[in-house]
Amino acid sequence: MAERDIDVTVFGATSVTGREVARYLAERAGDAGATWAAAARSPEKLASTLANVGVTGATTLAADVTDPSSLSSMASRTKVVVNLVGPTPRTAAQSSTLASPKAPTTST
């Protein structure tokens, strides 16, 4: 197995929480001697989001929860993945169904 060249990857770096974590790592990771990357489904949106919060020069990775090979590629390069991917309109209905099972009914 190839050595992992990234210490921490922020997966879902375009989310509200993801961009804050990316900004935090951009400010502090270098001082700690750590390498980090930002990952998201859309490289264009990721670059724009990082620029909007003042993050420059970050390693960026394309990864999509619906594409297992992209997830494998991301995971193979990093020691830790911080998963901040939230539900999207595509997955929200499925997520809410899984998170809120039907309550048992009682008869009186």
PDB file of N, CA and C in Angstrom:
ATOM      1  N   MET A   1       0.837  -1.176   0.000  1.00  0.00           N
ATOM      2  CA  MET A   1       0.000   0.000   0.000  1.00  0.00           C
ATOM      3  C   MET A   1       0.885   1.244   0.000  1.00  0.00           C
ATOM      4  N   ALA A   2       0.517   2.193  -0.802  1.00  0.00           N
ATOM      5  CA  ALA A   2       1.267   3.448  -0.869  1.00  0.00           C
ATOM      6  C   ALA A   2       1.073   4.228   0.427  1.00  0.00           C
ATOM      7  N   GLU A   3       2.077   5.011   0.781  1.00  0.00           N
ATOM      8  CA  GLU A   3       1.981   5.823   1.989  1.00  0.00           C
ATOM      9  C   GLU A   3       0.947   6.919   1.794  1.00  0.00           C
ATOM     10  N   ARG A   4       0.208   7.200   2.841  1.00  0.00           N
ATOM     11  CA  ARG A   4      -0.817   8.253   2.794  1.00  0.00           C
ATOM     12  C   ARG A   4      -0.125   9.602   2.967  1.00  0.00           C
ATOM     13  N   ASP A   5      -0.318  10.497   2.015  1.00  0.00           N
ATOM     14  CA  ASP A   5       0.398  11.771   2.017  1.00  0.00           C
ATOM     15  C   ASP A   5      -0.356  12.923   2.673  1.00  0.00           C
ATOM     16  N   ILE A   6      -1.575  12.679   3.130  1.00  0.00           N
ATOM     17  CA  ILE A   6      -2.402  13.716   3.745  1.00  0.00           C
ATOM     18  C   ILE A   6      -2.779  13.253   5.150  1.00  0.00           C
ATOM     19  N   ASP A   7      -2.588  14.130   6.126  1.00  0.00           N
ATOM     20  CA  ASP A   7      -2.955  13.774   7.497  1.00  0.00           C
ATOM     21  C   ASP A   7      -4.463  13.807   7.725  1.00  0.00           C
ATOM     22  N   VAL A   8      -5.120  14.880   7.264  1.00  0.00           N
ATOM     23  CA  VAL A   8      -6.555  15.072   7.498  1.00  0.00           C
ATOM     24  C   VAL A   8      -7.216  15.564   6.215  1.00  0.00           C
ATOM     25  N   THR A   9      -8.350  14.953   5.881  1.00  0.00           N
ATOM     26  CA  THR A   9      -9.155  15.432   4.762  1.00  0.00           C
ATOM     27  C   THR A   9     -10.523  15.838   5.277  1.00  0.00           C
ATOM     28  N   VAL A  10     -10.938  17.043   4.923  1.00  0.00           N
ATOM     29  CA  VAL A  10     -12.267  17.540   5.258  1.00  0.00           C
ATOM     30  C   VAL A  10     -13.174  17.194   4.086  1.00  0.00           C
ATOM     31  N   PHE A  11     -13.996  16.165   4.264  1.00  0.00           N
ATOM     32  CA  PHE A  11     -14.919  15.722   3.221  1.00  0.00           C
ATOM     33  C   PHE A  11     -16.248  16.436   3.454  1.00  0.00           C
ATOM     34  N   GLY A  12     -16.682  17.172   2.448  1.00  0.00           N
ATOM     35  CA  GLY A  12     -17.864  18.020   2.584  1.00  0.00           C
ATOM     36  C   GLY A  12     -17.447  19.439   2.929  1.00  0.00           C
ATOM     37  N   ALA A  13     -16.313  19.843   2.368  1.00  0.00           N
ATOM     38  CA  ALA A  13     -15.743  21.157   2.693  1.00  0.00           C
ATOM     39  C   ALA A  13     -16.560  22.318   2.155  1.00  0.00           C
ATOM     40  N   THR A  14     -17.571  22.061   1.343  1.00  0.00           N
ATOM     41  CA  THR A  14     -18.422  23.150   0.859  1.00  0.00           C
ATOM     42  C   THR A  14     -19.613  23.386   1.777  1.00  0.00           C
ATOM     43  N   SER A  15     -19.811  22.528   2.769  1.00  0.00           N
ATOM     44  CA  SER A  15     -20.913  22.728   3.716  1.00  0.00           C
ATOM     45  C   SER A  15     -20.566  23.871   4.668  1.00  0.00           C
ATOM     46  N   VAL A  16     -21.536  24.347   5.401  1.00  0.00           N
ATOM     47  CA  VAL A  16     -21.310  25.445   6.340  1.00  0.00           C
ATOM     48  C   VAL A  16     -20.234  25.052   7.351  1.00  0.00           C
ATOM     49  N   THR A  17     -20.366  23.894   7.953  1.00  0.00           N
ATOM     50  CA  THR A  17     -19.371  23.441   8.925  1.00  0.00           C
ATOM     51  C   THR A  17     -18.061  23.111   8.236  1.00  0.00           C
ATOM     52  N   GLY A  18     -18.132  22.500   7.062  1.00  0.00           N
ATOM     53  CA  GLY A  18     -16.927  22.120   6.329  1.00  0.00           C
ATOM     54  C   GLY A  18     -16.037  23.298   5.988  1.00  0.00           C
ATOM     55  N   ARG A  19     -16.636  24.397   5.567  1.00  0.00           N
ATOM     56  CA  ARG A  19     -15.799  25.556   5.220  1.00  0.00           C
ATOM     57  C   ARG A  19     -15.142  26.161   6.451  1.00  0.00           C
ATOM     58  N   GLU A  20     -15.812  26.088   7.608  1.00  0.00           N
ATOM     59  CA  GLU A  20     -15.206  26.600   8.841  1.00  0.00           C
ATOM     60  C   GLU A  20     -14.043  25.702   9.288  1.00  0.00           C
ATOM     61  N   VAL A  21     -14.212  24.404   9.167  1.00  0.00           N
ATOM     62  CA  VAL A  21     -13.132  23.477   9.505  1.00  0.00           C
ATOM     63  C   VAL A  21     -11.963  23.677   8.539  1.00  0.00           C
ATOM     64  N   ALA A  22     -12.256  23.865   7.265  1.00  0.00           N
ATOM     65  CA  ALA A  22     -11.199  24.115   6.275  1.00  0.00           C
ATOM     66  C   ALA A  22     -10.432  25.388   6.616  1.00  0.00           C
ATOM     67  N   ARG A  23     -11.153  26.435   6.975  1.00  0.00           N
ATOM     68  CA  ARG A  23     -10.484  27.680   7.337  1.00  0.00           C
ATOM     69  C   ARG A  23      -9.612  27.488   8.584  1.00  0.00           C
ATOM     70  N   TYR A  24     -10.118  26.768   9.557  1.00  0.00           N
ATOM     71  CA  TYR A  24      -9.356  26.489  10.782  1.00  0.00           C
ATOM     72  C   TYR A  24      -8.068  25.737  10.450  1.00  0.00           C
ATOM     73  N   LEU A  25      -8.178  24.682   9.636  1.00  0.00           N
ATOM     74  CA  LEU A  25      -6.988  23.905   9.278  1.00  0.00           C
ATOM     75  C   LEU A  25      -6.008  24.733   8.453  1.00  0.00           C
ATOM     76  N   ALA A  26      -6.519  25.566   7.578  1.00  0.00           N
ATOM     77  CA  ALA A  26      -5.640  26.414   6.764  1.00  0.00           C
ATOM     78  C   ALA A  26      -4.808  27.331   7.651  1.00  0.00           C
ATOM     79  N   GLU A  27      -5.404  27.796   8.726  1.00  0.00           N
ATOM     80  CA  GLU A  27      -4.704  28.699   9.637  1.00  0.00           C
ATOM     81  C   GLU A  27      -3.738  27.984  10.569  1.00  0.00           C
ATOM     82  N   ARG A  28      -4.018  26.716  10.923  1.00  0.00           N
ATOM     83  CA  ARG A  28      -3.263  26.082  11.995  1.00  0.00           C
ATOM     84  C   ARG A  28      -2.504  24.807  11.644  1.00  0.00           C
ATOM     85  N   ALA A  29      -2.877  24.114  10.610  1.00  0.00           N
ATOM     86  CA  ALA A  29      -2.248  22.821  10.318  1.00  0.00           C
ATOM     87  C   ALA A  29      -0.750  22.944  10.076  1.00  0.00           C
ATOM     88  N   GLY A  30      -0.351  23.972   9.347  1.00  0.00           N
ATOM     89  CA  GLY A  30       1.070  24.153   9.057  1.00  0.00           C
ATOM     90  C   GLY A  30       1.909  24.309  10.306  1.00  0.00           C
ATOM     91  N   ASP A  31       1.386  25.033  11.296  1.00  0.00           N
ATOM     92  CA  ASP A  31       2.106  25.227  12.560  1.00  0.00           C
ATOM     93  C   ASP A  31       2.302  23.902  13.292  1.00  0.00           C
ATOM     94  N   ALA A  32       1.368  22.979  13.098  1.00  0.00           N
ATOM     95  CA  ALA A  32       1.438  21.677  13.754  1.00  0.00           C
ATOM     96  C   ALA A  32       2.212  20.661  12.913  1.00  0.00           C
ATOM     97  N   GLY A  33       2.649  21.091  11.730  1.00  0.00           N
ATOM     98  CA  GLY A  33       3.356  20.169  10.840  1.00  0.00           C
ATOM     99  C   GLY A  33       2.451  19.146  10.180  1.00  0.00           C
ATOM    100  N   ALA A  34       1.169  19.477  10.091  1.00  0.00           N
ATOM    101  CA  ALA A  34       0.196  18.556   9.508  1.00  0.00           C
ATOM    102  C   ALA A  34      -0.163  18.973   8.084  1.00  0.00           C
ATOM    103  N   THR A  35      -0.481  17.987   7.269  1.00  0.00           N
ATOM    104  CA  THR A  35      -0.975  18.251   5.919  1.00  0.00           C
ATOM    105  C   THR A  35      -2.474  17.994   5.915  1.00  0.00           C
ATOM    106  N   TRP A  36      -3.179  18.757   5.090  1.00  0.00           N
ATOM    107  CA  TRP A  36      -4.624  18.563   5.031  1.00  0.00           C
ATOM    108  C   TRP A  36      -5.122  18.807   3.625  1.00  0.00           C
ATOM    109  N   ALA A  37      -6.335  18.335   3.379  1.00  0.00           N
ATOM    110  CA  ALA A  37      -6.973  18.528   2.079  1.00  0.00           C
ATOM    111  C   ALA A  37      -8.449  18.796   2.293  1.00  0.00           C
ATOM    112  N   ALA A  38      -9.051  19.404   1.295  1.00  0.00           N
ATOM    113  CA  ALA A  38     -10.490  19.639   1.272  1.00  0.00           C
ATOM    114  C   ALA A  38     -11.061  18.778   0.151  1.00  0.00           C
ATOM    115  N   ALA A  39     -12.174  18.123   0.434  1.00  0.00           N
ATOM    116  CA  ALA A  39     -12.794  17.258  -0.569  1.00  0.00           C
ATOM    117  C   ALA A  39     -14.276  17.578  -0.687  1.00  0.00           C
ATOM    118  N   ALA A  40     -14.784  17.500  -1.914  1.00  0.00           N
ATOM    119  CA  ALA A  40     -16.203  17.720  -2.181  1.00  0.00           C
ATOM    120  C   ALA A  40     -16.547  17.109  -3.527  1.00  0.00           C
ATOM    121  N   ARG A  41     -17.824  17.047  -3.789  1.00  0.00           N
ATOM    122  CA  ARG A  41     -18.326  16.450  -5.033  1.00  0.00           C
ATOM    123  C   ARG A  41     -17.910  17.265  -6.257  1.00  0.00           C
ATOM    124  N   SER A  42     -17.971  18.595  -6.152  1.00  0.00           N
ATOM    125  CA  SER A  42     -17.694  19.459  -7.301  1.00  0.00           C
ATOM    126  C   SER A  42     -16.400  20.237  -7.089  1.00  0.00           C
ATOM    127  N   PRO A  43     -15.354  19.939  -7.865  1.00  0.00           N
ATOM    128  CA  PRO A  43     -14.099  20.683  -7.722  1.00  0.00           C
ATOM    129  C   PRO A  43     -14.271  22.187  -7.951  1.00  0.00           C
ATOM    130  N   GLU A  44     -15.154  22.576  -8.860  1.00  0.00           N
ATOM    131  CA  GLU A  44     -15.372  23.994  -9.137  1.00  0.00           C
ATOM    132  C   GLU A  44     -16.016  24.694  -7.944  1.00  0.00           C
ATOM    133  N   LYS A  45     -17.051  24.086  -7.384  1.00  0.00           N
ATOM    134  CA  LYS A  45     -17.717  24.672  -6.218  1.00  0.00           C
ATOM    135  C   LYS A  45     -16.762  24.692  -5.022  1.00  0.00           C
ATOM    136  N   LEU A  46     -15.957  23.650  -4.887  1.00  0.00           N
ATOM    137  CA  LEU A  46     -14.994  23.592  -3.784  1.00  0.00           C
ATOM    138  C   LEU A  46     -14.001  24.744  -3.877  1.00  0.00           C
ATOM    139  N   ALA A  47     -13.435  24.957  -5.050  1.00  0.00           N
ATOM    140  CA  ALA A  47     -12.465  26.047  -5.237  1.00  0.00           C
ATOM    141  C   ALA A  47     -13.105  27.395  -4.929  1.00  0.00           C
ATOM    142  N   SER A  48     -14.313  27.604  -5.389  1.00  0.00           N
ATOM    143  CA  SER A  48     -15.019  28.859  -5.159  1.00  0.00           C
ATOM    144  C   SER A  48     -15.321  29.057  -3.674  1.00  0.00           C
ATOM    145  N   THR A  49     -15.793  28.014  -3.015  1.00  0.00           N
ATOM    146  CA  THR A  49     -16.126  28.095  -1.595  1.00  0.00           C
ATOM    147  C   THR A  49     -14.894  28.395  -0.759  1.00  0.00           C
ATOM    148  N   LEU A  50     -13.793  27.699  -1.042  1.00  0.00           N
ATOM    149  CA  LEU A  50     -12.556  27.937  -0.288  1.00  0.00           C
ATOM    150  C   LEU A  50     -12.069  29.370  -0.495  1.00  0.00           C
ATOM    151  N   ALA A  51     -12.129  29.849  -1.727  1.00  0.00           N
ATOM    152  CA  ALA A  51     -11.706  31.227  -2.006  1.00  0.00           C
ATOM    153  C   ALA A  51     -12.575  32.230  -1.261  1.00  0.00           C
ATOM    154  N   ASN A  52     -13.861  31.950  -1.186  1.00  0.00           N
ATOM    155  CA  ASN A  52     -14.785  32.864  -0.499  1.00  0.00           C
ATOM    156  C   ASN A  52     -14.509  32.986   0.997  1.00  0.00           C
ATOM    157  N   VAL A  53     -13.925  31.949   1.591  1.00  0.00           N
ATOM    158  CA  VAL A  53     -13.610  32.020   3.027  1.00  0.00           C
ATOM    159  C   VAL A  53     -12.131  32.315   3.263  1.00  0.00           C
ATOM    160  N   GLY A  54     -11.410  32.638   2.186  1.00  0.00           N
ATOM    161  CA  GLY A  54     -10.024  33.048   2.316  1.00  0.00           C
ATOM    162  C   GLY A  54      -9.008  31.926   2.386  1.00  0.00           C
ATOM    163  N   VAL A  55      -9.395  30.726   2.001  1.00  0.00           N
ATOM    164  CA  VAL A  55      -8.462  29.598   2.006  1.00  0.00           C
ATOM    165  C   VAL A  55      -7.813  29.497   0.631  1.00  0.00           C
ATOM    166  N   THR A  56      -6.498  29.593   0.590  1.00  0.00           N
ATOM    167  CA  THR A  56      -5.770  29.465  -0.679  1.00  0.00           C
ATOM    168  C   THR A  56      -4.726  28.366  -0.561  1.00  0.00           C
ATOM    169  N   GLY A  57      -4.389  27.772  -1.679  1.00  0.00           N
ATOM    170  CA  GLY A  57      -3.326  26.785  -1.733  1.00  0.00           C
ATOM    171  C   GLY A  57      -3.645  25.440  -1.118  1.00  0.00           C
ATOM    172  N   ALA A  58      -4.905  25.168  -0.836  1.00  0.00           N
ATOM    173  CA  ALA A  58      -5.270  23.890  -0.235  1.00  0.00           C
ATOM    174  C   ALA A  58      -5.195  22.769  -1.266  1.00  0.00           C
ATOM    175  N   THR A  59      -4.805  21.600  -0.820  1.00  0.00           N
ATOM    176  CA  THR A  59      -4.928  20.408  -1.659  1.00  0.00           C
ATOM    177  C   THR A  59      -6.414  20.104  -1.754  1.00  0.00           C
ATOM    178  N   THR A  60      -6.912  19.877  -2.967  1.00  0.00           N
ATOM    179  CA  THR A  60      -8.330  19.578  -3.133  1.00  0.00           C
ATOM    180  C   THR A  60      -8.503  18.222  -3.795  1.00  0.00           C
ATOM    181  N   LEU A  61      -9.554  17.539  -3.373  1.00  0.00           N
ATOM    182  CA  LEU A  61      -9.867  16.214  -3.898  1.00  0.00           C
ATOM    183  C   LEU A  61     -11.334  16.176  -4.297  1.00  0.00           C
ATOM    184  N   ALA A  62     -11.622  15.484  -5.386  1.00  0.00           N
ATOM    185  CA  ALA A  62     -13.008  15.271  -5.796  1.00  0.00           C
ATOM    186  C   ALA A  62     -13.463  13.937  -5.223  1.00  0.00           C
ATOM    187  N   ALA A  63     -14.561  13.968  -4.473  1.00  0.00           N
ATOM    188  CA  ALA A  63     -15.119  12.747  -3.897  1.00  0.00           C
ATOM    189  C   ALA A  63     -16.627  12.908  -3.799  1.00  0.00           C
ATOM    190  N   ASP A  64     -17.334  11.849  -4.138  1.00  0.00           N
ATOM    191  CA  ASP A  64     -18.791  11.878  -4.176  1.00  0.00           C
ATOM    192  C   ASP A  64     -19.307  10.616  -3.503  1.00  0.00           C
ATOM    193  N   VAL A  65     -20.252  10.757  -2.577  1.00  0.00           N
ATOM    194  CA  VAL A  65     -20.773   9.596  -1.859  1.00  0.00           C
ATOM    195  C   VAL A  65     -21.447   8.580  -2.772  1.00  0.00           C
ATOM    196  N   THR A  66     -21.837   8.988  -3.971  1.00  0.00           N
ATOM    197  CA  THR A  66     -22.461   8.050  -4.907  1.00  0.00           C
ATOM    198  C   THR A  66     -21.442   7.388  -5.830  1.00  0.00           C
ATOM    199  N   ASP A  67     -20.158   7.688  -5.641  1.00  0.00           N
ATOM    200  CA  ASP A  67     -19.098   7.140  -6.490  1.00  0.00           C
ATOM    201  C   ASP A  67     -18.054   6.435  -5.620  1.00  0.00           C
ATOM    202  N   PRO A  68     -18.216   5.137  -5.405  1.00  0.00           N
ATOM    203  CA  PRO A  68     -17.304   4.397  -4.523  1.00  0.00           C
ATOM    204  C   PRO A  68     -15.829   4.518  -4.908  1.00  0.00           C
ATOM    205  N   SER A  69     -15.513   4.605  -6.184  1.00  0.00           N
ATOM    206  CA  SER A  69     -14.102   4.709  -6.568  1.00  0.00           C
ATOM    207  C   SER A  69     -13.510   6.049  -6.140  1.00  0.00           C
ATOM    208  N   SER A  70     -14.318   7.116  -6.164  1.00  0.00           N
ATOM    209  CA  SER A  70     -13.806   8.417  -5.706  1.00  0.00           C
ATOM    210  C   SER A  70     -13.575   8.403  -4.194  1.00  0.00           C
ATOM    211  N   LEU A  71     -14.429   7.706  -3.468  1.00  0.00           N
ATOM    212  CA  LEU A  71     -14.248   7.589  -2.013  1.00  0.00           C
ATOM    213  C   LEU A  71     -13.010   6.778  -1.676  1.00  0.00           C
ATOM    214  N   SER A  72     -12.812   5.710  -2.418  1.00  0.00           N
ATOM    215  CA  SER A  72     -11.630   4.875  -2.217  1.00  0.00           C
ATOM    216  C   SER A  72     -10.352   5.648  -2.508  1.00  0.00           C
ATOM    217  N   SER A  73     -10.376   6.426  -3.576  1.00  0.00           N
ATOM    218  CA  SER A  73      -9.217   7.240  -3.936  1.00  0.00           C
ATOM    219  C   SER A  73      -8.904   8.254  -2.845  1.00  0.00           C
ATOM    220  N   MET A  74      -9.933   8.920  -2.332  1.00  0.00           N
ATOM    221  CA  MET A  74      -9.737   9.885  -1.262  1.00  0.00           C
ATOM    222  C   MET A  74      -9.183   9.193  -0.016  1.00  0.00           C
ATOM    223  N   ALA A  75      -9.788   8.106   0.380  1.00  0.00           N
ATOM    224  CA  ALA A  75      -9.383   7.407   1.601  1.00  0.00           C
ATOM    225  C   ALA A  75      -7.971   6.845   1.501  1.00  0.00           C
ATOM    226  N   SER A  76      -7.564   6.464   0.303  1.00  0.00           N
ATOM    227  CA  SER A  76      -6.233   5.873   0.142  1.00  0.00           C
ATOM    228  C   SER A  76      -5.113   6.891   0.342  1.00  0.00           C
ATOM    229  N   ARG A  77      -5.450   8.184   0.262  1.00  0.00           N
ATOM    230  CA  ARG A  77      -4.427   9.231   0.403  1.00  0.00           C
ATOM    231  C   ARG A  77      -4.359   9.845   1.785  1.00  0.00           C
ATOM    232  N   THR A  78      -5.339   9.601   2.629  1.00  0.00           N
ATOM    233  CA  THR A  78      -5.419  10.326   3.900  1.00  0.00           C
ATOM    234  C   THR A  78      -5.460   9.408   5.104  1.00  0.00           C
ATOM    235  N   LYS A  79      -4.935   9.912   6.207  1.00  0.00           N
ATOM    236  CA  LYS A  79      -4.940   9.155   7.459  1.00  0.00           C
ATOM    237  C   LYS A  79      -6.276   9.286   8.183  1.00  0.00           C
ATOM    238  N   VAL A  80      -6.885  10.480   8.123  1.00  0.00           N
ATOM    239  CA  VAL A  80      -8.155  10.746   8.804  1.00  0.00           C
ATOM    240  C   VAL A  80      -9.080  11.479   7.846  1.00  0.00           C
ATOM    241  N   VAL A  81     -10.325  11.021   7.754  1.00  0.00           N
ATOM    242  CA  VAL A  81     -11.350  11.724   6.987  1.00  0.00           C
ATOM    243  C   VAL A  81     -12.373  12.279   7.974  1.00  0.00           C
ATOM    244  N   VAL A  82     -12.550  13.590   7.938  1.00  0.00           N
ATOM    245  CA  VAL A  82     -13.592  14.245   8.730  1.00  0.00           C
ATOM    246  C   VAL A  82     -14.793  14.363   7.798  1.00  0.00           C
ATOM    247  N   ASN A  83     -15.817  13.548   8.033  1.00  0.00           N
ATOM    248  CA  ASN A  83     -16.971  13.506   7.144  1.00  0.00           C
ATOM    249  C   ASN A  83     -18.004  14.538   7.578  1.00  0.00           C
ATOM    250  N   LEU A  84     -18.101  15.608   6.799  1.00  0.00           N
ATOM    251  CA  LEU A  84     -19.074  16.669   7.066  1.00  0.00           C
ATOM    252  C   LEU A  84     -20.092  16.772   5.944  1.00  0.00           C
ATOM    253  N   VAL A  85     -20.251  15.700   5.200  1.00  0.00           N
ATOM    254  CA  VAL A  85     -21.229  15.662   4.117  1.00  0.00           C
ATOM    255  C   VAL A  85     -22.614  15.555   4.746  1.00  0.00           C
ATOM    256  N   GLY A  86     -23.458  16.487   4.399  1.00  0.00           N
ATOM    257  CA  GLY A  86     -24.805  16.485   4.955  1.00  0.00           C
ATOM    258  C   GLY A  86     -25.803  15.980   3.939  1.00  0.00           C
ATOM    259  N   PRO A  87     -27.033  15.842   4.360  1.00  0.00           N
ATOM    260  CA  PRO A  87     -28.055  15.410   3.413  1.00  0.00           C
ATOM    261  C   PRO A  87     -28.266  16.463   2.331  1.00  0.00           C
ATOM    262  N   THR A  88     -28.491  16.011   1.145  1.00  0.00           N
ATOM    263  CA  THR A  88     -28.797  16.882   0.013  1.00  0.00           C
ATOM    264  C   THR A  88     -30.229  16.594  -0.405  1.00  0.00           C
ATOM    265  N   PRO A  89     -30.791  17.408  -1.259  1.00  0.00           N
ATOM    266  CA  PRO A  89     -32.152  17.100  -1.711  1.00  0.00           C
ATOM    267  C   PRO A  89     -32.282  15.675  -2.247  1.00  0.00           C
ATOM    268  N   ARG A  90     -31.183  15.160  -2.858  1.00  0.00           N
ATOM    269  CA  ARG A  90     -31.227  13.792  -3.383  1.00  0.00           C
ATOM    270  C   ARG A  90     -31.341  12.757  -2.284  1.00  0.00           C
ATOM    271  N   THR A  91     -30.709  13.024  -1.146  1.00  0.00           N
ATOM    272  CA  THR A  91     -30.633  12.004  -0.107  1.00  0.00           C
ATOM    273  C   THR A  91     -31.445  12.318   1.136  1.00  0.00           C
ATOM    274  N   ALA A  92     -31.992  13.527   1.243  1.00  0.00           N
ATOM    275  CA  ALA A  92     -32.690  13.933   2.468  1.00  0.00           C
ATOM    276  C   ALA A  92     -33.869  13.029   2.790  1.00  0.00           C
ATOM    277  N   ALA A  93     -34.671  12.692   1.813  1.00  0.00           N
ATOM    278  CA  ALA A  93     -35.844  11.851   2.072  1.00  0.00           C
ATOM    279  C   ALA A  93     -35.416  10.483   2.589  1.00  0.00           C
ATOM    280  N   GLN A  94     -34.407   9.909   1.969  1.00  0.00           N
ATOM    281  CA  GLN A  94     -33.908   8.606   2.413  1.00  0.00           C
ATOM    282  C   GLN A  94     -33.336   8.715   3.819  1.00  0.00           C
ATOM    283  N   SER A  95     -32.552   9.758   4.095  1.00  0.00           N
ATOM    284  CA  SER A  95     -31.939   9.935   5.408  1.00  0.00           C
ATOM    285  C   SER A  95     -32.986  10.099   6.493  1.00  0.00           C
ATOM    286  N   SER A  96     -34.018  10.902   6.238  1.00  0.00           N
ATOM    287  CA  SER A  96     -35.025  11.123   7.268  1.00  0.00           C
ATOM    288  C   SER A  96     -35.828   9.857   7.526  1.00  0.00           C
ATOM    289  N   THR A  97     -36.038   9.037   6.515  1.00  0.00           N
ATOM    290  CA  THR A  97     -36.742   7.784   6.711  1.00  0.00           C
ATOM    291  C   THR A  97     -35.917   6.844   7.581  1.00  0.00           C
ATOM    292  N   LEU A  98     -34.611   6.798   7.347  1.00  0.00           N
ATOM    293  CA  LEU A  98     -33.749   5.933   8.132  1.00  0.00           C
ATOM    294  C   LEU A  98     -33.598   6.437   9.558  1.00  0.00           C
ATOM    295  N   ALA A  99     -33.557   7.748   9.744  1.00  0.00           N
ATOM    296  CA  ALA A  99     -33.328   8.325  11.066  1.00  0.00           C
ATOM    297  C   ALA A  99     -34.592   8.355  11.922  1.00  0.00           C
ATOM    298  N   SER A 100     -35.746   8.296  11.307  1.00  0.00           N
ATOM    299  CA  SER A 100     -37.003   8.396  12.046  1.00  0.00           C
ATOM    300  C   SER A 100     -37.900   7.199  11.752  1.00  0.00           C
ATOM    301  N   PRO A 101     -37.550   6.057  12.319  1.00  0.00           N
ATOM    302  CA  PRO A 101     -38.402   4.899  12.051  1.00  0.00           C
ATOM    303  C   PRO A 101     -39.788   5.118  12.642  1.00  0.00           C
ATOM    304  N   LYS A 102     -40.730   4.421  12.092  1.00  0.00           N
ATOM    305  CA  LYS A 102     -42.106   4.553  12.540  1.00  0.00           C
ATOM    306  C   LYS A 102     -42.207   4.099  13.998  1.00  0.00           C
ATOM    307  N   ALA A 103     -42.822   4.930  14.807  1.00  0.00           N
ATOM    308  CA  ALA A 103     -42.997   4.587  16.214  1.00  0.00           C
ATOM    309  C   ALA A 103     -43.992   3.443  16.344  1.00  0.00           C
ATOM    310  N   PRO A 104     -43.766   2.561  17.315  1.00  0.00           N
ATOM    311  CA  PRO A 104     -44.725   1.470  17.504  1.00  0.00           C
ATOM    312  C   PRO A 104     -46.071   2.034  17.960  1.00  0.00           C
ATOM    313  N   THR A 105     -47.112   1.399  17.537  1.00  0.00           N
ATOM    314  CA  THR A 105     -48.458   1.850  17.930  1.00  0.00           C
ATOM    315  C   THR A 105     -48.943   0.983  19.081  1.00  0.00           C
ATOM    316  N   THR A 106     -49.734   1.581  19.918  1.00  0.00           N
ATOM    317  CA  THR A 106     -50.338   0.818  21.029  1.00  0.00           C
ATOM    318  C   THR A 106     -51.824   0.890  20.895  1.00  0.00           C
ATOM    319  N   SER A 107     -52.476  -0.141  21.307  1.00  0.00           N
ATOM    320  CA  SER A 107     -53.928  -0.133  21.255  1.00  0.00           C
ATOM    321  C   SER A 107     -54.475  -0.015  22.677  1.00  0.00           C
ATOM    322  N   THR A 108     -55.554   0.679  22.804  1.00  0.00           N
ATOM    323  CA  THR A 108     -56.156   0.843  24.137  1.00  0.00           C
ATOM    324  C   THR A 108     -57.492   0.215  24.219  1.00  0.00           C
TER     325      THR A 108
END
